[in-house]
Amino acid sequence: MNWYEVIGIIATLFVLLSFLMKDVKVIRIINIIGCIFFVVYGILIGSLSTWLLNGILIFIHIYYLVKFYMDKKKNEILETKK
């Protein structure tokens, strides 16, 4: 087994692990880690589709995490004004 296959397996395990979680924030964070490993793996094996898809997914997960925290902060501010 090549060392870059190990990276692909680690990526797979992180993505699978994310499906076992219940908290959406934790799902996204663990999935981001898996996506990062898949980007590295895709680059190593020369697979544009693998690294491109997972690279885009990283930004999508980050967007929703930032949105979640901004909405949470906004709600906290509104609660203190009541």
Protein backbone atom coordinates (compact mmCIF):
# COMPACT_ATOMS: atom_id res chain seq x y z
CA MET A 1 0.00 0.00 0.00
CA ASN A 2 1.34 3.42 -0.99
CA TRP A 3 1.58 6.16 1.62
CA TYR A 4 -0.83 8.33 -0.34
CA GLU A 5 -3.42 5.54 -0.14
CA VAL A 6 -3.10 5.88 3.63
CA ILE A 7 -4.03 9.56 3.25
CA GLY A 8 -7.09 8.53 1.22
CA ILE A 9 -8.11 6.02 3.87
CA ILE A 10 -7.71 8.62 6.63
CA ALA A 11 -9.86 11.01 4.59
CA THR A 12 -12.51 8.32 4.18
CA LEU A 13 -12.52 7.60 7.91
CA PHE A 14 -13.03 11.28 8.78
CA VAL A 15 -15.92 11.59 6.34
CA LEU A 16 -17.49 8.38 7.66
CA LEU A 17 -16.98 9.59 11.23
CA SER A 18 -18.82 12.82 10.41
CA PHE A 19 -21.90 10.78 9.50
CA LEU A 20 -21.98 9.33 13.00
CA MET A 21 -22.21 12.74 14.67
CA LYS A 22 -25.45 14.48 15.64
CA ASP A 23 -24.28 18.06 16.15
CA VAL A 24 -24.20 19.88 12.80
CA LYS A 25 -21.19 21.98 13.83
CA VAL A 26 -19.19 18.87 14.70
CA ILE A 27 -20.28 17.18 11.48
CA ARG A 28 -19.00 20.12 9.44
CA ILE A 29 -15.69 20.38 11.32
CA ILE A 30 -14.92 16.68 11.01
CA ASN A 31 -15.98 16.73 7.37
CA ILE A 32 -13.66 19.69 6.71
CA ILE A 33 -10.76 17.62 8.06
CA GLY A 34 -11.74 14.73 5.79
CA CYS A 35 -12.04 17.09 2.83
CA ILE A 36 -8.57 18.49 3.49
CA PHE A 37 -7.15 14.95 3.44
CA PHE A 38 -9.08 14.25 0.21
CA VAL A 39 -7.68 17.41 -1.40
CA VAL A 40 -4.15 16.26 -0.57
CA TYR A 41 -4.95 12.74 -1.75
CA GLY A 42 -6.51 14.02 -4.99
CA ILE A 43 -3.45 16.16 -5.72
CA LEU A 44 -1.10 13.24 -5.01
CA ILE A 45 -2.92 10.87 -7.36
CA GLY A 46 -3.54 13.57 -9.97
CA SER A 47 -7.33 13.46 -9.70
CA LEU A 48 -8.76 16.89 -10.46
CA SER A 49 -12.32 15.78 -9.69
CA THR A 50 -11.35 14.53 -6.22
CA TRP A 51 -9.44 17.57 -5.03
CA LEU A 52 -11.70 20.10 -6.74
CA LEU A 53 -14.93 18.70 -5.25
CA ASN A 54 -13.47 18.45 -1.76
CA GLY A 55 -11.83 21.86 -2.02
CA ILE A 56 -15.20 23.40 -2.84
CA LEU A 57 -16.83 21.45 -0.01
CA ILE A 58 -14.34 22.95 2.45
CA PHE A 59 -15.50 26.46 1.52
CA ILE A 60 -19.17 25.44 1.72
CA HIS A 61 -18.68 23.99 5.21
CA ILE A 62 -16.76 27.07 6.35
CA TYR A 63 -19.48 29.35 4.96
CA TYR A 64 -22.20 27.55 6.94
CA LEU A 65 -20.09 27.44 10.11
CA VAL A 66 -19.44 31.19 9.91
CA LYS A 67 -23.13 31.79 9.16
CA PHE A 68 -24.11 29.68 12.17
CA TYR A 69 -21.82 31.59 14.53
CA MET A 70 -22.86 34.97 13.14
CA ASP A 71 -26.55 34.08 13.52
CA LYS A 72 -25.89 32.84 17.04
CA LYS A 73 -24.08 36.07 17.94
CA LYS A 74 -26.86 38.14 16.36
CA ASN A 75 -29.49 36.25 18.38
CA GLU A 76 -27.50 36.79 21.57
CA ILE A 77 -27.36 40.52 20.91
CA LEU A 78 -31.09 40.63 20.24
CA GLU A 79 -31.78 38.70 23.44
CA THR A 80 -29.80 41.18 25.53
CA LYS A 81 -31.77 44.09 24.05
CA LYS A 82 -35.12 42.64 25.20
